[in-house]
Protein backbone atom coordinates (compact mmCIF):
# COMPACT_ATOMS: atom_id res chain seq x y z
CA MET A 1 -0.25 0.16 0.08
CA THR A 2 2.31 2.85 -1.14
CA ILE A 3 2.03 6.43 -0.96
CA ASP A 4 0.02 7.62 -4.58
CA TRP A 5 -1.13 11.41 -3.30
CA VAL A 6 0.39 14.10 -1.02
CA GLY A 7 -1.81 16.17 0.65
CA LEU A 8 0.08 19.79 1.72
CA ASP A 9 -1.76 22.58 3.81
CA ALA A 10 -0.59 26.02 2.58
CA ASP A 11 -1.15 28.60 5.37
CA ASP A 12 2.32 28.32 7.98
CA THR A 13 2.94 25.21 5.68
CA LEU A 14 4.25 26.39 3.02
CA TRP A 15 4.20 30.11 3.61
CA HIS A 16 3.98 32.44 6.85
CA ASN A 17 0.53 33.44 7.66
CA GLU A 18 -0.12 33.17 11.29
CA SER A 19 2.55 35.76 12.21
CA TYR A 20 0.54 38.39 10.35
CA PHE A 21 -2.47 38.03 12.50
CA ILE A 22 -0.45 38.02 15.53
CA THR A 23 0.24 42.14 14.61
CA SER A 24 -3.61 42.56 13.91
CA TYR A 25 -4.23 40.84 17.59
CA GLU A 26 -1.74 43.07 18.99
CA LEU A 27 -2.91 46.24 17.55
CA PHE A 28 -6.71 44.91 18.55
CA ALA A 29 -5.24 44.57 22.20
CA GLU A 30 -4.00 47.93 22.02
CA ILE A 31 -7.10 49.13 20.58
CA VAL A 32 -9.32 47.49 23.79
CA ALA A 33 -6.87 47.77 26.70
CA PRO A 34 -8.78 51.12 27.82
CA TYR A 35 -11.78 49.23 27.99
CA LEU A 36 -10.52 46.33 30.25
CA ALA A 37 -10.06 45.75 33.73
CA PRO A 38 -7.28 47.70 34.87
CA THR A 39 -5.56 44.50 36.99
CA ASP A 40 -5.88 42.57 33.60
CA ASP A 41 -3.15 41.87 31.04
CA PRO A 42 -4.26 43.59 27.93
CA TYR A 43 -3.02 41.53 25.45
CA GLN A 44 -4.24 38.20 27.30
CA ALA A 45 -7.82 39.53 28.06
CA ALA A 46 -8.23 40.55 24.51
CA HIS A 47 -6.92 37.59 23.48
CA ASP A 48 -9.19 35.49 25.06
CA LEU A 49 -12.65 37.68 24.59
CA LEU A 50 -11.40 37.49 21.04
CA ILE A 51 -11.01 33.59 20.25
CA ALA A 52 -14.36 33.35 21.96
CA THR A 53 -15.91 35.83 19.35
CA GLU A 54 -14.27 34.26 16.67
CA ILE A 55 -15.52 30.76 17.54
CA ARG A 56 -18.85 31.89 17.84
CA ASN A 57 -18.62 33.85 14.24
CA ILE A 58 -16.80 31.01 12.37
CA PRO A 59 -19.85 29.10 10.97
CA GLN A 60 -21.47 32.86 9.65
CA PHE A 61 -17.70 34.06 8.65
CA GLY A 62 -15.77 31.39 8.20
CA TYR A 63 -11.80 31.76 8.56
CA GLY A 64 -9.39 34.42 7.26
CA ILE A 65 -8.55 37.87 7.24
CA LYS A 66 -12.14 39.20 6.58
CA GLY A 67 -13.89 36.88 9.13
CA ALA A 68 -11.05 37.72 11.84
CA THR A 69 -11.46 41.49 10.98
CA LEU A 70 -15.35 41.40 11.65
CA SER A 71 -14.99 39.70 14.72
CA MET A 72 -12.45 42.33 16.09
CA ILE A 73 -14.94 44.56 15.11
CA GLU A 74 -17.81 42.88 17.38
CA CYS A 75 -15.50 42.20 20.09
CA ALA A 76 -13.91 45.70 20.51
CA LEU A 77 -17.82 47.03 20.39
CA GLU A 78 -18.92 44.58 22.73
CA ILE A 79 -15.83 45.15 25.31
CA SER A 80 -16.06 49.30 25.01
CA HIS A 81 -19.95 49.05 25.24
CA ARG A 82 -20.51 50.14 21.86
CA THR A 83 -18.51 53.47 22.71
CA ILE A 84 -15.25 52.67 20.82
CA PRO A 85 -13.97 55.67 18.44
CA ALA A 86 -14.86 55.10 14.31
CA GLU A 87 -11.05 55.91 13.68
CA ASP A 88 -10.36 52.60 16.25
CA VAL A 89 -12.49 51.00 13.84
CA TRP A 90 -11.13 52.27 10.80
CA ARG A 91 -7.32 51.39 12.18
CA LEU A 92 -8.92 47.70 12.51
CA VAL A 93 -10.42 48.22 8.84
CA GLU A 94 -6.98 49.39 7.09
CA ARG A 95 -5.08 46.49 9.02
CA ALA A 96 -6.77 44.26 7.47
CA LYS A 97 -6.53 45.67 4.35
CA GLU A 98 -2.81 45.51 4.68
CA MET A 99 -2.86 41.77 5.33
CA MET A 100 -4.97 41.56 1.93
CA ALA A 101 -2.13 43.07 0.07
CA HIS A 102 0.93 41.72 1.75
CA PRO A 103 3.25 39.62 -0.67
CA VAL A 104 3.13 35.71 -0.04
CA GLU A 105 6.64 34.57 1.98
CA LEU A 106 7.05 31.33 1.04
CA LEU A 107 8.78 29.09 4.07
CA ASP A 108 12.73 28.03 4.02
CA GLY A 109 12.98 24.74 2.02
CA ALA A 110 9.28 25.04 0.59
CA LEU A 111 10.16 24.83 -2.92
CA ASP A 112 13.27 22.03 -2.61
CA ALA A 113 10.53 19.94 -0.71
CA LEU A 114 8.44 20.11 -3.80
CA ASP A 115 10.95 19.43 -5.85
CA ALA A 116 11.89 16.14 -3.90
CA LEU A 117 7.79 15.39 -4.00
CA ALA A 118 7.18 15.73 -7.40
CA CYS A 119 7.09 12.14 -8.00
CA HIS A 120 3.94 12.07 -6.39
CA ARG A 121 0.83 13.83 -7.22
CA LEU A 122 0.55 16.47 -5.06
CA MET A 123 -3.10 18.09 -3.79
CA LEU A 124 -3.18 21.46 -2.00
CA VAL A 125 -5.70 21.58 0.62
CA THR A 126 -6.47 25.05 2.14
CA LYS A 127 -9.06 26.63 3.92
CA GLY A 128 -10.50 30.19 4.22
CA ASP A 129 -11.37 33.01 2.52
CA VAL A 130 -11.75 31.77 -1.42
CA MET A 131 -10.62 35.24 -2.85
CA ASP A 132 -7.35 35.36 -0.47
CA GLN A 133 -6.61 32.24 -0.31
CA ARG A 134 -6.93 32.12 -4.21
CA ARG A 135 -4.46 35.44 -4.33
CA LYS A 136 -1.87 33.57 -2.39
CA ILE A 137 -1.90 30.74 -4.44
CA GLU A 138 -1.35 32.61 -7.46
CA HIS A 139 0.77 34.81 -6.26
CA SER A 140 3.27 32.11 -4.54
CA GLY A 141 4.14 30.45 -7.54
CA ILE A 142 3.78 27.51 -6.91
CA ALA A 143 0.37 26.73 -8.41
CA GLU A 144 1.43 24.61 -10.99
CA ARG A 145 3.27 22.18 -9.35
CA PHE A 146 0.23 20.96 -7.71
CA ASP A 147 -2.14 18.35 -9.71
CA ALA A 148 -5.47 19.52 -7.20
CA ILE A 149 -6.29 22.62 -5.50
CA GLU A 150 -8.83 22.54 -2.50
CA ILE A 151 -9.97 25.63 -1.55
CA VAL A 152 -12.34 24.70 1.39
CA HIS A 153 -14.57 26.08 4.21
CA GLU A 154 -13.81 23.53 6.81
CA LYS A 155 -11.14 20.75 7.13
CA ASP A 156 -13.13 17.83 8.26
CA PRO A 157 -13.22 14.18 7.98
CA GLN A 158 -16.31 14.57 5.43
CA THR A 159 -14.45 18.00 3.66
CA TYR A 160 -11.55 15.34 3.25
CA ALA A 161 -13.44 12.30 2.08
CA ALA A 162 -15.14 14.27 -0.85
CA ALA A 163 -12.34 15.85 -1.94
CA LEU A 164 -10.31 12.51 -2.48
CA ASP A 165 -13.29 11.15 -3.70
CA ARG A 166 -13.20 13.80 -6.50
CA HIS A 167 -10.11 12.75 -7.46
CA GLY A 168 -10.27 9.01 -6.95
CA VAL A 169 -7.58 9.14 -4.30
CA ASP A 170 -7.82 6.01 -1.63
CA PRO A 171 -7.47 7.40 1.80
CA ARG A 172 -4.86 4.67 2.32
CA ARG A 173 -2.68 5.93 -0.34
CA PHE A 174 -2.64 9.50 0.91
CA VAL A 175 -0.48 11.79 3.54
CA MET A 176 -1.37 14.95 4.46
CA VAL A 177 1.31 17.60 5.73
CA GLY A 178 0.49 19.97 7.66
CA ASN A 179 0.77 22.44 10.63
CA SER A 180 -2.51 21.89 12.12
CA LEU A 181 -3.11 18.78 14.36
CA ARG A 182 -6.90 19.61 14.72
CA SER A 183 -6.94 20.26 10.62
CA ASP A 184 -4.37 18.68 8.75
CA ILE A 185 -3.98 15.44 10.88
CA HIS A 186 -6.75 14.25 12.89
CA PRO A 187 -9.38 14.20 10.37
CA VAL A 188 -7.19 12.33 7.68
CA LEU A 189 -6.26 9.92 10.36
CA ALA A 190 -9.74 9.47 10.78
CA LEU A 191 -10.21 8.40 7.07
CA GLY A 192 -7.47 5.53 7.15
CA GLY A 193 -4.61 8.35 5.68
CA TRP A 194 -1.51 9.40 6.98
CA GLY A 195 -0.37 12.43 8.68
CA ILE A 196 2.50 14.26 9.13
CA HIS A 197 2.70 17.40 11.50
CA VAL A 198 5.15 20.00 10.92
CA PRO A 199 4.78 23.11 13.63
CA TYR A 200 4.88 26.19 12.84
CA GLU A 201 6.37 28.63 15.45
CA THR A 202 3.36 29.77 16.70
CA THR A 203 -0.25 28.07 16.09
CA TRP A 204 -3.88 30.11 16.48
CA ALA A 205 -5.43 28.98 19.59
CA ILE A 206 -8.69 27.59 17.64
CA GLU A 207 -6.13 25.17 15.74
CA HIS A 208 -4.45 23.60 19.40
CA ALA A 209 -5.04 19.60 19.61
CA GLU A 210 -3.66 17.16 21.39
CA ALA A 211 -1.11 14.75 19.34
CA PRO A 212 -1.84 11.75 18.63
CA GLU A 213 -0.24 8.85 20.66
CA ASP A 214 1.32 5.61 19.26
CA HIS A 215 -0.48 6.46 15.99
CA PRO A 216 1.23 3.85 13.18
CA ARG A 217 0.32 6.71 10.53
CA PHE A 218 0.96 9.83 12.38
CA ARG A 219 4.59 11.28 12.23
CA VAL A 220 6.01 14.56 13.09
CA ALA A 221 8.78 16.37 11.26
CA ARG A 222 10.90 19.17 12.21
CA SER A 223 10.35 21.03 8.71
CA ILE A 224 8.86 20.86 5.70
CA THR A 225 12.26 19.47 4.13
CA GLU A 226 12.49 16.77 6.88
CA ALA A 227 8.18 16.16 5.90
CA ALA A 228 9.30 15.36 2.26
CA GLU A 229 12.41 13.05 3.20
CA LEU A 230 10.14 11.11 5.44
CA ILE A 231 7.70 10.57 2.16
CA ALA A 232 10.69 10.23 -0.27
CA GLY A 233 13.62 9.31 0.99
CA SER A 234 14.67 6.09 2.37
CA GLY A 235 13.04 4.36 5.76
CA SER A 236 9.91 6.63 4.68
CA ILE A 237 6.60 6.67 4.94
CA ALA A 238 6.02 4.62 1.73
CA ALA A 239 8.05 2.03 2.78
CA ALA A 240 6.43 1.78 6.64
CA ALA A 241 3.03 1.57 3.82
CA ASP A 242 4.42 -1.59 2.20
């Protein structure tokens, strides 16, 4: 049972993403700090309130810059009892526009990893705002390296199963590489596929999950380069699958 298809996440697996959001969260904390209790750590308190708002809004707004910004505005209005100045709301909107226009910065080793995996069929699986994800894919310059590109609203077993079925992929011959245990690893393992976790320097709180314990189809790699070696190199996942 060899590996035929390799799935790769995009944000924080092939290119930087969360680090830009951290700057936005810091701006949000600065804006709402005057409305928080003096004893609060303004960044942590703002972060906790915002995460709760984002979780509540994901079913309507989805993932990405636009949804995050709407949640920031809503949360700021709630924290300030709707007294936040329009100028501060404008700062959040301007920050969103900056993020939407930010160049795509590939992670070190991403291109070499794709080259190493060229003997497999490659599927890019990313979630978020369709327009922004398409922009990043186009600007990344790597779209032509993939045999299939899936932009999805959510990454759960049902979504992966539908994507794999569209392309005639046997889950047992599929490995997913990504930085999120919740979105990239657990759903694919549940379908009988393989998962390689490549931790990013920071992880969005909503994406936190426990790593599988002693799972035969789960691996951890220190970089996208090491993940490619696990798939294509000697002693690889493909060998274990046999």
